[in-house]
N, C-alpha and C. Protein backbone atom coordinates (compact mmCIF):
# COMPACT_ATOMS: atom_id res chain seq x y z
N MET A 1 -9.91 -17.01 10.60
CA MET A 1 -9.49 -18.23 11.24
C MET A 1 -8.30 -18.83 10.49
N ARG A 2 -8.37 -18.88 9.13
CA ARG A 2 -7.28 -19.43 8.34
C ARG A 2 -6.01 -18.62 8.53
N LYS A 3 -6.17 -17.30 8.59
CA LYS A 3 -5.00 -16.43 8.76
C LYS A 3 -4.33 -16.71 10.09
N ALA A 4 -5.12 -16.87 11.15
CA ALA A 4 -4.56 -17.16 12.47
C ALA A 4 -3.83 -18.49 12.46
N LEU A 5 -4.40 -19.51 11.80
CA LEU A 5 -3.74 -20.81 11.70
C LEU A 5 -2.45 -20.72 10.91
N ALA A 6 -2.47 -19.96 9.83
CA ALA A 6 -1.27 -19.80 9.01
C ALA A 6 -0.17 -19.11 9.79
N ILE A 7 -0.52 -18.08 10.55
CA ILE A 7 0.46 -17.36 11.35
C ILE A 7 1.01 -18.27 12.44
N ALA A 8 0.14 -19.02 13.09
CA ALA A 8 0.59 -19.93 14.14
C ALA A 8 1.51 -21.00 13.57
N THR A 9 1.18 -21.53 12.41
CA THR A 9 2.01 -22.55 11.76
C THR A 9 3.36 -21.96 11.38
N LEU A 10 3.35 -20.78 10.82
CA LEU A 10 4.59 -20.10 10.43
C LEU A 10 5.45 -19.82 11.66
N ALA A 11 4.84 -19.31 12.71
CA ALA A 11 5.57 -19.01 13.94
C ALA A 11 6.18 -20.29 14.53
N GLY A 12 5.45 -21.37 14.51
CA GLY A 12 5.95 -22.64 15.02
C GLY A 12 7.11 -23.16 14.20
N SER A 13 7.00 -23.08 12.88
CA SER A 13 8.09 -23.56 12.04
C SER A 13 9.32 -22.68 12.17
N MET A 14 9.13 -21.38 12.37
CA MET A 14 10.25 -20.48 12.53
C MET A 14 10.94 -20.70 13.88
N ALA A 15 10.17 -21.01 14.90
CA ALA A 15 10.75 -21.27 16.22
C ALA A 15 11.60 -22.53 16.17
N VAL A 16 11.16 -23.52 15.41
CA VAL A 16 11.89 -24.77 15.29
C VAL A 16 13.23 -24.52 14.59
N THR A 17 13.25 -23.69 13.57
CA THR A 17 14.49 -23.43 12.83
C THR A 17 15.35 -22.36 13.49
N GLY A 18 14.87 -21.75 14.56
CA GLY A 18 15.66 -20.75 15.27
C GLY A 18 15.46 -19.35 14.74
N LEU A 19 14.54 -19.17 13.82
CA LEU A 19 14.24 -17.84 13.30
C LEU A 19 13.01 -17.31 14.00
N ALA A 20 13.05 -16.05 14.37
CA ALA A 20 11.88 -15.45 15.01
C ALA A 20 11.73 -14.03 14.52
N LEU A 21 10.49 -13.62 14.34
CA LEU A 21 10.19 -12.26 13.92
C LEU A 21 9.76 -11.44 15.11
N SER A 22 10.26 -10.24 15.19
CA SER A 22 9.75 -9.33 16.22
C SER A 22 8.35 -8.90 15.80
N PRO A 23 7.53 -8.39 16.71
CA PRO A 23 6.18 -7.95 16.33
C PRO A 23 6.18 -6.92 15.21
N ALA A 24 7.15 -5.99 15.22
CA ALA A 24 7.19 -4.97 14.17
C ALA A 24 7.52 -5.60 12.83
N THR A 25 8.45 -6.54 12.80
CA THR A 25 8.80 -7.22 11.56
C THR A 25 7.63 -8.06 11.07
N ALA A 26 6.96 -8.73 11.99
CA ALA A 26 5.81 -9.54 11.61
C ALA A 26 4.72 -8.67 10.99
N GLN A 27 4.49 -7.49 11.54
CA GLN A 27 3.49 -6.58 10.99
C GLN A 27 3.89 -6.13 9.59
N ALA A 28 5.16 -5.76 9.43
CA ALA A 28 5.63 -5.31 8.12
C ALA A 28 5.51 -6.44 7.11
N ALA A 29 5.75 -7.65 7.53
CA ALA A 29 5.68 -8.78 6.62
C ALA A 29 4.26 -8.99 6.11
N THR A 30 3.26 -8.66 6.88
CA THR A 30 1.89 -8.88 6.44
C THR A 30 1.42 -7.81 5.47
N THR A 31 2.13 -6.67 5.39
CA THR A 31 1.69 -5.61 4.50
C THR A 31 2.65 -5.36 3.34
N THR A 32 3.65 -6.22 3.16
CA THR A 32 4.61 -6.05 2.09
C THR A 32 4.20 -6.89 0.89
N GLN A 33 4.29 -6.29 -0.28
CA GLN A 33 4.01 -7.01 -1.50
C GLN A 33 5.13 -6.78 -2.49
N ALA A 34 5.46 -7.78 -3.27
CA ALA A 34 6.45 -7.63 -4.32
C ALA A 34 5.83 -6.89 -5.49
N THR A 35 6.65 -6.61 -6.50
CA THR A 35 6.10 -5.93 -7.66
C THR A 35 4.98 -6.76 -8.25
N GLY A 36 3.99 -6.10 -8.76
CA GLY A 36 2.83 -6.77 -9.32
C GLY A 36 1.57 -6.05 -8.89
N SER A 37 0.48 -6.75 -8.94
CA SER A 37 -0.82 -6.16 -8.58
C SER A 37 -0.94 -6.00 -7.08
N TRP A 38 -1.64 -4.96 -6.65
CA TRP A 38 -1.89 -4.71 -5.23
C TRP A 38 -3.28 -4.14 -5.04
N GLY A 39 -3.77 -4.20 -3.81
CA GLY A 39 -5.07 -3.64 -3.45
C GLY A 39 -6.13 -4.72 -3.46
N LYS A 40 -7.26 -4.37 -3.11
CA LYS A 40 -7.96 -3.14 -2.77
C LYS A 40 -7.54 -2.68 -1.37
N PHE A 41 -7.08 -1.42 -1.29
CA PHE A 41 -6.70 -0.82 -0.03
C PHE A 41 -7.73 0.24 0.32
N PHE A 42 -8.51 0.00 1.39
CA PHE A 42 -9.65 0.84 1.75
C PHE A 42 -9.26 1.96 2.71
N SER A 43 -10.06 3.03 2.67
CA SER A 43 -9.99 4.04 3.71
C SER A 43 -10.54 3.42 4.99
N SER A 44 -10.31 4.05 6.13
CA SER A 44 -10.72 3.44 7.40
C SER A 44 -12.23 3.25 7.50
N ASP A 45 -13.00 4.09 6.82
CA ASP A 45 -14.46 3.95 6.85
C ASP A 45 -14.99 3.13 5.67
N ARG A 46 -14.07 2.61 4.85
CA ARG A 46 -14.39 1.76 3.70
C ARG A 46 -15.23 2.46 2.64
N LYS A 47 -15.19 3.78 2.57
CA LYS A 47 -15.96 4.52 1.57
C LYS A 47 -15.16 4.79 0.30
N ALA A 48 -13.86 4.53 0.32
CA ALA A 48 -13.02 4.69 -0.86
C ALA A 48 -11.96 3.60 -0.84
N TYR A 49 -11.49 3.20 -2.02
CA TYR A 49 -10.39 2.25 -2.08
C TYR A 49 -9.55 2.48 -3.31
N THR A 50 -8.33 1.97 -3.25
CA THR A 50 -7.42 2.04 -4.39
C THR A 50 -6.85 0.65 -4.64
N PHE A 51 -6.48 0.42 -5.88
CA PHE A 51 -5.78 -0.80 -6.26
C PHE A 51 -4.93 -0.47 -7.47
N GLY A 52 -4.02 -1.35 -7.83
CA GLY A 52 -3.18 -1.04 -8.97
C GLY A 52 -2.10 -2.06 -9.20
N LYS A 53 -1.04 -1.60 -9.88
CA LYS A 53 0.07 -2.46 -10.25
C LYS A 53 1.35 -1.65 -10.18
N THR A 54 2.42 -2.25 -9.66
CA THR A 54 3.72 -1.61 -9.60
C THR A 54 4.75 -2.56 -10.20
N TRP A 55 5.62 -2.03 -11.05
CA TRP A 55 6.62 -2.86 -11.69
C TRP A 55 7.87 -2.04 -12.01
N LYS A 56 8.97 -2.76 -12.27
CA LYS A 56 10.23 -2.12 -12.64
C LYS A 56 10.51 -2.41 -14.10
N SER A 57 10.85 -1.37 -14.84
CA SER A 57 11.15 -1.52 -16.26
C SER A 57 12.09 -0.40 -16.69
N GLY A 58 13.14 -0.75 -17.37
CA GLY A 58 14.07 0.26 -17.88
C GLY A 58 14.70 1.10 -16.79
N GLY A 59 14.94 0.52 -15.62
CA GLY A 59 15.55 1.25 -14.53
C GLY A 59 14.60 2.17 -13.77
N LYS A 60 13.33 2.15 -14.11
CA LYS A 60 12.33 2.98 -13.44
C LYS A 60 11.30 2.10 -12.73
N ILE A 61 10.76 2.63 -11.66
CA ILE A 61 9.63 2.01 -10.99
C ILE A 61 8.37 2.69 -11.53
N HIS A 62 7.44 1.90 -12.00
CA HIS A 62 6.18 2.41 -12.56
C HIS A 62 5.03 1.96 -11.67
N THR A 63 4.08 2.86 -11.45
CA THR A 63 2.87 2.52 -10.71
C THR A 63 1.66 3.03 -11.46
N LYS A 64 0.72 2.15 -11.71
CA LYS A 64 -0.57 2.53 -12.28
C LYS A 64 -1.60 2.21 -11.22
N TRP A 65 -2.44 3.18 -10.87
CA TRP A 65 -3.39 2.99 -9.79
C TRP A 65 -4.80 3.40 -10.23
N TYR A 66 -5.77 2.85 -9.52
CA TYR A 66 -7.18 3.13 -9.76
C TYR A 66 -7.82 3.50 -8.43
N GLY A 67 -8.63 4.54 -8.43
CA GLY A 67 -9.34 4.96 -7.23
C GLY A 67 -10.84 4.88 -7.43
N VAL A 68 -11.54 4.43 -6.41
CA VAL A 68 -12.99 4.29 -6.49
C VAL A 68 -13.62 4.84 -5.22
N ASP A 69 -14.63 5.69 -5.38
CA ASP A 69 -15.48 6.11 -4.27
C ASP A 69 -16.84 6.49 -4.86
N LYS A 70 -17.79 6.78 -4.00
CA LYS A 70 -19.13 7.15 -4.46
C LYS A 70 -19.07 8.55 -5.07
N LYS A 71 -19.55 8.71 -6.30
CA LYS A 71 -19.49 9.98 -7.00
C LYS A 71 -20.39 11.01 -6.31
N GLY A 72 -19.91 12.24 -6.27
CA GLY A 72 -20.64 13.32 -5.60
C GLY A 72 -20.28 13.39 -4.14
N GLY A 73 -20.27 14.58 -3.60
CA GLY A 73 -19.93 14.71 -2.18
C GLY A 73 -18.43 14.78 -1.95
N LYS A 74 -17.96 14.04 -0.98
CA LYS A 74 -16.56 14.12 -0.58
C LYS A 74 -15.66 13.28 -1.48
N LYS A 75 -14.37 13.62 -1.48
CA LYS A 75 -13.41 12.98 -2.36
C LYS A 75 -12.63 11.88 -1.66
N GLY A 76 -12.11 10.98 -2.48
CA GLY A 76 -11.15 9.99 -2.02
C GLY A 76 -9.75 10.54 -2.27
N TRP A 77 -8.80 10.11 -1.46
CA TRP A 77 -7.40 10.55 -1.58
C TRP A 77 -6.50 9.34 -1.54
N VAL A 78 -5.52 9.30 -2.42
CA VAL A 78 -4.48 8.28 -2.37
C VAL A 78 -3.16 8.98 -2.07
N TRP A 79 -2.38 8.38 -1.20
CA TRP A 79 -1.05 8.88 -0.83
C TRP A 79 -0.01 7.88 -1.28
N PHE A 80 1.09 8.39 -1.79
CA PHE A 80 2.25 7.56 -2.11
C PHE A 80 3.45 8.13 -1.38
N GLU A 81 4.19 7.26 -0.70
CA GLU A 81 5.43 7.64 -0.04
C GLU A 81 6.52 6.75 -0.61
N PHE A 82 7.63 7.36 -1.03
CA PHE A 82 8.71 6.57 -1.61
C PHE A 82 10.07 7.04 -1.11
N TYR A 83 11.01 6.08 -1.10
CA TYR A 83 12.36 6.34 -0.60
C TYR A 83 13.30 6.40 -1.80
N ARG A 84 13.95 7.56 -1.96
CA ARG A 84 14.87 7.75 -3.08
C ARG A 84 15.98 8.70 -2.65
N GLY A 85 17.20 8.36 -2.97
CA GLY A 85 18.32 9.24 -2.68
C GLY A 85 18.53 9.51 -1.21
N GLY A 86 18.21 8.53 -0.35
CA GLY A 86 18.41 8.69 1.08
C GLY A 86 17.35 9.50 1.79
N LYS A 87 16.27 9.86 1.09
CA LYS A 87 15.19 10.66 1.70
C LYS A 87 13.83 10.07 1.35
N TRP A 88 12.87 10.35 2.23
CA TRP A 88 11.48 9.98 1.97
C TRP A 88 10.78 11.14 1.28
N HIS A 89 9.98 10.82 0.29
CA HIS A 89 9.18 11.80 -0.44
C HIS A 89 7.74 11.32 -0.41
N LYS A 90 6.78 12.25 -0.45
CA LYS A 90 5.38 11.85 -0.48
C LYS A 90 4.57 12.81 -1.33
N PHE A 91 3.50 12.28 -1.91
CA PHE A 91 2.56 13.11 -2.66
C PHE A 91 1.20 12.43 -2.62
N ASN A 92 0.16 13.18 -2.99
CA ASN A 92 -1.19 12.63 -2.97
C ASN A 92 -1.97 13.08 -4.19
N ARG A 93 -3.06 12.39 -4.45
CA ARG A 93 -3.99 12.74 -5.51
C ARG A 93 -5.40 12.54 -4.98
N SER A 94 -6.31 13.40 -5.40
CA SER A 94 -7.72 13.25 -4.98
C SER A 94 -8.56 12.90 -6.19
N TRP A 95 -9.75 12.37 -5.93
CA TRP A 95 -10.67 12.04 -7.00
C TRP A 95 -12.08 11.98 -6.46
N ASP A 96 -13.04 12.01 -7.37
CA ASP A 96 -14.46 11.87 -7.04
C ASP A 96 -15.05 10.91 -8.05
N GLY A 97 -15.54 9.78 -7.60
CA GLY A 97 -16.07 8.76 -8.50
C GLY A 97 -15.03 7.70 -8.77
N LYS A 98 -14.63 7.56 -10.03
CA LYS A 98 -13.60 6.60 -10.42
C LYS A 98 -12.51 7.33 -11.18
N VAL A 99 -11.27 6.91 -10.96
CA VAL A 99 -10.14 7.58 -11.61
C VAL A 99 -9.02 6.56 -11.85
N THR A 100 -8.22 6.85 -12.86
CA THR A 100 -7.01 6.09 -13.14
C THR A 100 -5.85 7.06 -13.16
N GLY A 101 -4.77 6.69 -12.53
CA GLY A 101 -3.58 7.53 -12.53
C GLY A 101 -2.33 6.69 -12.64
N SER A 102 -1.21 7.34 -12.95
CA SER A 102 0.06 6.63 -13.01
C SER A 102 1.19 7.59 -12.69
N TRP A 103 2.31 7.03 -12.29
CA TRP A 103 3.52 7.80 -12.03
C TRP A 103 4.71 6.85 -12.08
N SER A 104 5.90 7.42 -12.22
CA SER A 104 7.11 6.59 -12.27
C SER A 104 8.29 7.43 -11.81
N GLY A 105 9.38 6.76 -11.48
CA GLY A 105 10.58 7.45 -11.06
C GLY A 105 11.78 6.54 -11.03
N ARG A 106 12.95 7.12 -11.11
CA ARG A 106 14.22 6.37 -11.07
C ARG A 106 14.80 6.39 -9.65
N GLY A 107 15.56 5.36 -9.34
CA GLY A 107 16.27 5.32 -8.07
C GLY A 107 15.41 5.08 -6.85
N ILE A 108 14.19 4.63 -7.05
CA ILE A 108 13.26 4.40 -5.94
C ILE A 108 13.54 3.03 -5.33
N LYS A 109 13.68 3.00 -4.01
CA LYS A 109 13.98 1.76 -3.29
C LYS A 109 12.75 1.15 -2.63
N LYS A 110 11.83 1.98 -2.12
CA LYS A 110 10.63 1.51 -1.43
C LYS A 110 9.47 2.40 -1.80
N VAL A 111 8.27 1.83 -1.86
CA VAL A 111 7.04 2.60 -2.11
C VAL A 111 5.95 2.10 -1.17
N TYR A 112 5.27 3.03 -0.50
CA TYR A 112 4.13 2.73 0.36
C TYR A 112 2.92 3.52 -0.15
N THR A 113 1.74 3.01 0.12
CA THR A 113 0.52 3.74 -0.24
C THR A 113 -0.54 3.54 0.83
N PHE A 114 -1.45 4.52 0.91
CA PHE A 114 -2.64 4.38 1.74
C PHE A 114 -3.73 5.26 1.18
N THR A 115 -4.97 4.99 1.58
CA THR A 115 -6.14 5.65 1.03
C THR A 115 -6.89 6.38 2.13
N CYS A 116 -7.35 7.60 1.84
CA CYS A 116 -8.17 8.38 2.77
C CYS A 116 -9.47 8.77 2.09
N TRP A 117 -10.44 9.21 2.88
CA TRP A 117 -11.71 9.67 2.32
C TRP A 117 -12.20 10.89 3.08
N ALA A 118 -12.74 11.85 2.37
CA ALA A 118 -13.36 13.07 2.91
C ALA A 118 -12.33 14.13 3.27
N GLY A 119 -11.08 13.91 3.01
CA GLY A 119 -10.03 14.89 3.27
C GLY A 119 -8.66 14.24 3.18
N LYS A 120 -7.64 15.05 2.96
CA LYS A 120 -6.28 14.52 2.82
C LYS A 120 -5.84 13.64 3.97
N PHE A 121 -6.27 14.00 5.17
CA PHE A 121 -5.81 13.30 6.36
C PHE A 121 -6.95 12.67 7.15
N ASP A 122 -8.12 12.57 6.53
CA ASP A 122 -9.30 12.05 7.23
C ASP A 122 -9.61 10.61 6.81
N ASN A 123 -10.03 9.81 7.76
CA ASN A 123 -10.47 8.43 7.51
C ASN A 123 -9.44 7.62 6.74
N CYS A 124 -8.18 7.78 7.10
CA CYS A 124 -7.11 7.10 6.38
C CYS A 124 -7.02 5.63 6.80
N GLY A 125 -6.80 4.80 5.81
CA GLY A 125 -6.66 3.37 6.05
C GLY A 125 -5.22 3.00 6.35
N LYS A 126 -5.00 1.74 6.40
CA LYS A 126 -3.69 1.17 6.71
C LYS A 126 -2.68 1.48 5.60
N LYS A 127 -1.42 1.62 5.97
CA LYS A 127 -0.36 1.87 5.01
C LYS A 127 0.21 0.52 4.54
N TYR A 128 0.41 0.39 3.23
CA TYR A 128 0.91 -0.86 2.64
C TYR A 128 2.15 -0.60 1.81
N ARG A 129 3.10 -1.50 1.90
CA ARG A 129 4.27 -1.41 1.04
C ARG A 129 3.95 -2.11 -0.27
N ILE A 130 4.12 -1.38 -1.39
CA ILE A 130 3.81 -1.95 -2.70
C ILE A 130 5.05 -2.18 -3.54
N TYR A 131 6.22 -1.68 -3.07
CA TYR A 131 7.49 -1.99 -3.72
C TYR A 131 8.60 -1.82 -2.71
């Protein structure tokens, strides 16, 4: 309810000032986060989630992430997609139970992440921009 009121208030104030967001821009705005902490980002069935922190230091983008799912059985998967050098790149990591991981790179302009469970492409949750 609060989210709906906040969106309605924002939309009203933007209409008054002559600014308007298209539906695609509005959707992107709700999933974009600046550098800092992010998550919990769940798989679509909510059986696995990831959270972490992304920051810029020394000309590099650094990401430290944590994955959580029920130990034993199927694995959780985290995907990272990033834009560097005019191209999109992607990679994934799997885990069972709890895990901590990190990665970094130079020249990265955008980073997105999402979480899956039971397979690389199964039960995937929403994609979020983390940088």
